[in-house]
Amino acid sequence: MKIELFYVSDCPNHAVALQRLRAVLSPESFHAHVREVLVTDVRMAQALKFPGSPTIRVNGHDVEPQSEQSRAVGLMCRLYLDGTGAPSEERLRAVIEKADGLEV
């Protein structure tokens, strides 16, 4: 399993997203699977199809699949469907368990 956390340097929700990932994953799994990626410029954001910070992808898929339909990319903050700036622990757990082949 590959978990990527994409963020911009001044993102206030990067730490929240990271904390929620740590709460869902064991320390060993966190270090083995989570890769943090600092998005530094617009060209990089476009190449990554980066919808805003923070973005978490599990095995290449956004934890909020509806966002993959959005065409907006860039160096900006992101809001999730629930109105918050980071996915919930429950959402992360469900996506990670599904990716890991466990029943949700």
N, C-alpha and C. Protein backbone atom coordinates (compact mmCIF):
# COMPACT_ATOMS: atom_id res chain seq x y z
N MET A 1 0.85 -1.17 0.00
CA MET A 1 0.00 0.00 0.00
C MET A 1 0.89 1.24 0.00
N LYS A 2 0.49 2.23 -0.77
CA LYS A 2 1.23 3.49 -0.87
C LYS A 2 0.29 4.62 -0.45
N ILE A 3 0.70 5.38 0.55
CA ILE A 3 -0.08 6.52 1.02
C ILE A 3 0.78 7.76 0.82
N GLU A 4 0.22 8.74 0.11
CA GLU A 4 0.93 9.99 -0.14
C GLU A 4 0.14 11.15 0.44
N LEU A 5 0.84 12.03 1.11
CA LEU A 5 0.24 13.24 1.66
C LEU A 5 0.89 14.42 0.95
N PHE A 6 0.13 15.05 0.07
CA PHE A 6 0.60 16.21 -0.69
C PHE A 6 0.17 17.47 0.04
N TYR A 7 1.07 18.45 0.12
CA TYR A 7 0.75 19.67 0.85
C TYR A 7 1.59 20.84 0.34
N VAL A 8 1.15 22.05 0.68
CA VAL A 8 1.94 23.25 0.41
C VAL A 8 2.53 23.71 1.74
N SER A 9 3.61 24.46 1.68
CA SER A 9 4.38 24.78 2.88
C SER A 9 3.61 25.56 3.94
N ASP A 10 2.69 26.40 3.57
CA ASP A 10 1.98 27.21 4.55
C ASP A 10 0.59 26.66 4.88
N CYS A 11 0.36 25.40 4.62
CA CYS A 11 -0.96 24.80 4.84
C CYS A 11 -1.24 24.59 6.33
N PRO A 12 -2.29 25.21 6.87
CA PRO A 12 -2.60 25.02 8.28
C PRO A 12 -3.16 23.63 8.59
N ASN A 13 -3.61 22.90 7.57
CA ASN A 13 -4.22 21.59 7.80
C ASN A 13 -3.28 20.41 7.53
N HIS A 14 -2.06 20.69 7.11
CA HIS A 14 -1.08 19.63 6.88
C HIS A 14 -0.85 18.84 8.17
N ALA A 15 -0.61 19.54 9.29
CA ALA A 15 -0.35 18.87 10.57
C ALA A 15 -1.56 18.06 11.03
N VAL A 16 -2.75 18.57 10.80
CA VAL A 16 -3.98 17.85 11.17
C VAL A 16 -4.10 16.56 10.37
N ALA A 17 -3.88 16.64 9.07
CA ALA A 17 -3.96 15.45 8.22
C ALA A 17 -2.91 14.43 8.63
N LEU A 18 -1.72 14.89 8.91
CA LEU A 18 -0.64 14.00 9.34
C LEU A 18 -0.98 13.33 10.67
N GLN A 19 -1.52 14.09 11.60
CA GLN A 19 -1.92 13.57 12.91
C GLN A 19 -3.01 12.50 12.75
N ARG A 20 -3.97 12.75 11.87
CA ARG A 20 -5.04 11.78 11.66
C ARG A 20 -4.53 10.50 11.01
N LEU A 21 -3.58 10.62 10.09
CA LEU A 21 -2.97 9.43 9.51
C LEU A 21 -2.24 8.62 10.59
N ARG A 22 -1.51 9.32 11.46
CA ARG A 22 -0.79 8.64 12.55
C ARG A 22 -1.76 7.93 13.49
N ALA A 23 -2.93 8.52 13.71
CA ALA A 23 -3.92 7.91 14.60
C ALA A 23 -4.52 6.64 14.00
N VAL A 24 -4.60 6.59 12.69
CA VAL A 24 -5.20 5.45 12.00
C VAL A 24 -4.20 4.32 11.79
N LEU A 25 -2.95 4.66 11.56
CA LEU A 25 -1.92 3.67 11.24
C LEU A 25 -1.04 3.36 12.46
N SER A 26 -0.54 2.14 12.52
CA SER A 26 0.44 1.81 13.54
C SER A 26 1.74 2.55 13.19
N PRO A 27 2.62 2.78 14.17
CA PRO A 27 3.88 3.48 13.87
C PRO A 27 4.68 2.80 12.76
N GLU A 28 4.72 1.47 12.77
CA GLU A 28 5.47 0.75 11.74
C GLU A 28 4.85 0.96 10.36
N SER A 29 3.54 0.85 10.31
CA SER A 29 2.83 1.01 9.04
C SER A 29 2.96 2.44 8.53
N PHE A 30 2.89 3.41 9.45
CA PHE A 30 3.02 4.81 9.06
C PHE A 30 4.36 5.04 8.38
N HIS A 31 5.43 4.60 9.01
CA HIS A 31 6.77 4.83 8.45
C HIS A 31 7.00 4.04 7.16
N ALA A 32 6.36 2.91 7.03
CA ALA A 32 6.54 2.08 5.84
C ALA A 32 5.74 2.57 4.65
N HIS A 33 4.61 3.22 4.90
CA HIS A 33 3.68 3.49 3.81
C HIS A 33 3.44 4.96 3.48
N VAL A 34 3.69 5.88 4.41
CA VAL A 34 3.34 7.29 4.18
C VAL A 34 4.53 8.07 3.63
N ARG A 35 4.26 8.73 2.51
CA ARG A 35 5.27 9.58 1.87
C ARG A 35 4.70 11.00 1.81
N GLU A 36 5.39 11.94 2.42
CA GLU A 36 4.96 13.34 2.37
C GLU A 36 5.60 14.00 1.15
N VAL A 37 4.78 14.76 0.43
CA VAL A 37 5.26 15.42 -0.78
C VAL A 37 4.92 16.91 -0.70
N LEU A 38 5.95 17.73 -0.64
CA LEU A 38 5.77 19.18 -0.63
C LEU A 38 5.59 19.64 -2.07
N VAL A 39 4.44 20.25 -2.35
CA VAL A 39 4.16 20.77 -3.70
C VAL A 39 4.67 22.21 -3.71
N THR A 40 5.66 22.46 -4.55
CA THR A 40 6.40 23.72 -4.47
C THR A 40 6.04 24.77 -5.51
N ASP A 41 5.44 24.36 -6.63
CA ASP A 41 5.12 25.36 -7.65
C ASP A 41 3.92 24.90 -8.49
N VAL A 42 3.41 25.82 -9.28
CA VAL A 42 2.21 25.56 -10.08
C VAL A 42 2.44 24.42 -11.07
N ARG A 43 3.60 24.37 -11.67
CA ARG A 43 3.88 23.31 -12.64
C ARG A 43 3.81 21.93 -11.98
N MET A 44 4.37 21.84 -10.78
CA MET A 44 4.30 20.58 -10.03
C MET A 44 2.86 20.25 -9.67
N ALA A 45 2.09 21.26 -9.23
CA ALA A 45 0.67 21.07 -8.90
C ALA A 45 -0.10 20.54 -10.10
N GLN A 46 0.17 21.10 -11.26
CA GLN A 46 -0.52 20.65 -12.48
C GLN A 46 -0.12 19.22 -12.83
N ALA A 47 1.15 18.91 -12.74
CA ALA A 47 1.62 17.56 -13.07
C ALA A 47 1.02 16.51 -12.13
N LEU A 48 0.81 16.89 -10.88
CA LEU A 48 0.25 15.97 -9.89
C LEU A 48 -1.29 15.99 -9.85
N LYS A 49 -1.88 16.90 -10.63
CA LYS A 49 -3.34 17.12 -10.57
C LYS A 49 -3.75 17.36 -9.11
N PHE A 50 -3.05 18.29 -8.51
CA PHE A 50 -3.16 18.60 -7.08
C PHE A 50 -4.33 19.54 -6.82
N PRO A 51 -5.41 19.04 -6.18
CA PRO A 51 -6.60 19.87 -5.96
C PRO A 51 -6.51 20.77 -4.74
N GLY A 52 -5.39 20.79 -4.06
CA GLY A 52 -5.22 21.65 -2.90
C GLY A 52 -4.64 20.88 -1.73
N SER A 53 -4.28 21.65 -0.73
CA SER A 53 -3.56 21.12 0.42
C SER A 53 -4.44 21.06 1.66
N PRO A 54 -4.39 19.93 2.36
CA PRO A 54 -3.65 18.70 2.08
C PRO A 54 -4.48 17.75 1.21
N THR A 55 -3.79 16.96 0.42
CA THR A 55 -4.42 15.91 -0.37
C THR A 55 -3.77 14.58 0.02
N ILE A 56 -4.61 13.61 0.33
CA ILE A 56 -4.10 12.29 0.68
C ILE A 56 -4.59 11.31 -0.39
N ARG A 57 -3.63 10.57 -0.93
CA ARG A 57 -3.95 9.53 -1.92
C ARG A 57 -3.46 8.18 -1.41
N VAL A 58 -4.31 7.19 -1.55
CA VAL A 58 -3.97 5.83 -1.17
C VAL A 58 -3.93 5.01 -2.46
N ASN A 59 -2.76 4.44 -2.73
CA ASN A 59 -2.54 3.69 -3.98
C ASN A 59 -2.93 4.53 -5.20
N GLY A 60 -2.62 5.82 -5.13
CA GLY A 60 -2.85 6.71 -6.25
C GLY A 60 -4.23 7.32 -6.34
N HIS A 61 -5.14 6.95 -5.43
CA HIS A 61 -6.51 7.46 -5.48
C HIS A 61 -6.78 8.39 -4.30
N ASP A 62 -7.39 9.52 -4.60
CA ASP A 62 -7.74 10.49 -3.57
C ASP A 62 -8.68 9.84 -2.57
N VAL A 63 -8.51 10.17 -1.27
CA VAL A 63 -9.39 9.60 -0.25
C VAL A 63 -10.81 10.12 -0.37
N GLU A 64 -10.98 11.18 -1.10
CA GLU A 64 -12.31 11.71 -1.41
C GLU A 64 -12.48 11.66 -2.92
N PRO A 65 -12.97 10.53 -3.45
CA PRO A 65 -12.99 10.30 -4.90
C PRO A 65 -13.68 11.39 -5.73
N GLN A 66 -14.65 12.07 -5.16
CA GLN A 66 -15.35 13.12 -5.89
C GLN A 66 -14.40 14.22 -6.35
N SER A 67 -13.33 14.42 -5.61
CA SER A 67 -12.39 15.49 -5.96
C SER A 67 -11.62 15.18 -7.23
N GLU A 68 -11.53 13.90 -7.60
CA GLU A 68 -10.83 13.54 -8.83
C GLU A 68 -11.56 14.04 -10.07
N GLN A 69 -12.83 14.38 -9.91
CA GLN A 69 -13.61 14.91 -11.03
C GLN A 69 -13.39 16.41 -11.21
N SER A 70 -12.85 17.05 -10.18
CA SER A 70 -12.61 18.49 -10.24
C SER A 70 -11.43 18.78 -11.16
N ARG A 71 -11.52 19.86 -11.87
CA ARG A 71 -10.44 20.26 -12.76
C ARG A 71 -9.55 21.34 -12.13
N ALA A 72 -9.95 21.84 -10.95
CA ALA A 72 -9.18 22.89 -10.29
C ALA A 72 -7.92 22.29 -9.66
N VAL A 73 -6.78 22.85 -10.03
CA VAL A 73 -5.51 22.46 -9.44
C VAL A 73 -4.71 23.71 -9.15
N GLY A 74 -3.82 23.62 -8.16
CA GLY A 74 -2.97 24.76 -7.86
C GLY A 74 -2.49 24.76 -6.44
N LEU A 75 -1.76 25.81 -6.10
CA LEU A 75 -1.20 25.97 -4.76
C LEU A 75 -2.23 26.69 -3.89
N MET A 76 -3.12 25.90 -3.30
CA MET A 76 -4.22 26.46 -2.52
C MET A 76 -4.61 25.51 -1.41
N CYS A 77 -5.39 26.01 -0.48
CA CYS A 77 -5.94 25.16 0.56
C CYS A 77 -7.11 24.38 -0.03
N ARG A 78 -7.45 23.32 0.63
CA ARG A 78 -8.50 22.44 0.14
C ARG A 78 -9.57 22.27 1.22
N LEU A 79 -10.81 22.21 0.79
CA LEU A 79 -11.90 21.86 1.68
C LEU A 79 -12.47 20.52 1.25
N TYR A 80 -12.76 19.68 2.23
CA TYR A 80 -13.38 18.39 1.96
C TYR A 80 -14.89 18.52 2.00
N LEU A 81 -15.60 17.52 1.52
CA LEU A 81 -17.06 17.57 1.42
C LEU A 81 -17.75 17.88 2.75
N ASP A 82 -17.13 17.48 3.85
CA ASP A 82 -17.74 17.75 5.16
C ASP A 82 -17.45 19.17 5.65
N GLY A 83 -16.78 19.98 4.83
CA GLY A 83 -16.51 21.37 5.17
C GLY A 83 -15.24 21.60 5.96
N THR A 84 -14.50 20.53 6.24
CA THR A 84 -13.26 20.67 7.00
C THR A 84 -12.06 20.70 6.05
N GLY A 85 -10.90 21.00 6.61
CA GLY A 85 -9.70 21.12 5.80
C GLY A 85 -8.84 19.88 5.76
N ALA A 86 -9.33 18.77 6.35
CA ALA A 86 -8.59 17.50 6.32
C ALA A 86 -9.60 16.37 6.43
N PRO A 87 -9.32 15.24 5.81
CA PRO A 87 -10.25 14.11 5.90
C PRO A 87 -10.32 13.58 7.33
N SER A 88 -11.48 13.08 7.71
CA SER A 88 -11.67 12.55 9.06
C SER A 88 -10.91 11.25 9.26
N GLU A 89 -10.66 10.90 10.52
CA GLU A 89 -10.03 9.62 10.83
C GLU A 89 -10.88 8.47 10.31
N GLU A 90 -12.20 8.61 10.42
CA GLU A 90 -13.10 7.56 9.96
C GLU A 90 -12.96 7.34 8.45
N ARG A 91 -12.90 8.43 7.70
CA ARG A 91 -12.74 8.32 6.25
C ARG A 91 -11.40 7.69 5.90
N LEU A 92 -10.35 8.14 6.56
CA LEU A 92 -9.02 7.59 6.31
C LEU A 92 -8.98 6.09 6.63
N ARG A 93 -9.55 5.73 7.78
CA ARG A 93 -9.56 4.32 8.17
C ARG A 93 -10.29 3.47 7.14
N ALA A 94 -11.44 3.93 6.69
CA ALA A 94 -12.23 3.17 5.71
C ALA A 94 -11.46 2.98 4.40
N VAL A 95 -10.83 4.03 3.92
CA VAL A 95 -10.09 3.95 2.65
C VAL A 95 -8.86 3.06 2.80
N ILE A 96 -8.16 3.19 3.91
CA ILE A 96 -6.95 2.39 4.13
C ILE A 96 -7.30 0.91 4.32
N GLU A 97 -8.37 0.62 5.05
CA GLU A 97 -8.79 -0.76 5.23
C GLU A 97 -9.21 -1.39 3.90
N LYS A 98 -9.91 -0.63 3.10
CA LYS A 98 -10.32 -1.13 1.79
C LYS A 98 -9.10 -1.40 0.92
N ALA A 99 -8.15 -0.49 0.92
CA ALA A 99 -6.94 -0.66 0.12
C ALA A 99 -6.10 -1.84 0.61
N ASP A 100 -6.20 -2.10 1.90
CA ASP A 100 -5.43 -3.18 2.49
C ASP A 100 -6.14 -4.53 2.34
N GLY A 101 -7.33 -4.51 1.72
CA GLY A 101 -8.05 -5.75 1.48
C GLY A 101 -8.92 -6.20 2.62
N LEU A 102 -9.12 -5.33 3.62
CA LEU A 102 -9.97 -5.67 4.76
C LEU A 102 -11.38 -5.17 4.52
N GLU A 103 -12.33 -5.79 5.15
CA GLU A 103 -13.70 -5.30 5.02
C GLU A 103 -13.85 -4.02 5.81
N VAL A 104 -14.63 -3.12 5.26
CA VAL A 104 -14.86 -1.83 5.91
C VAL A 104 -16.11 -1.91 6.73
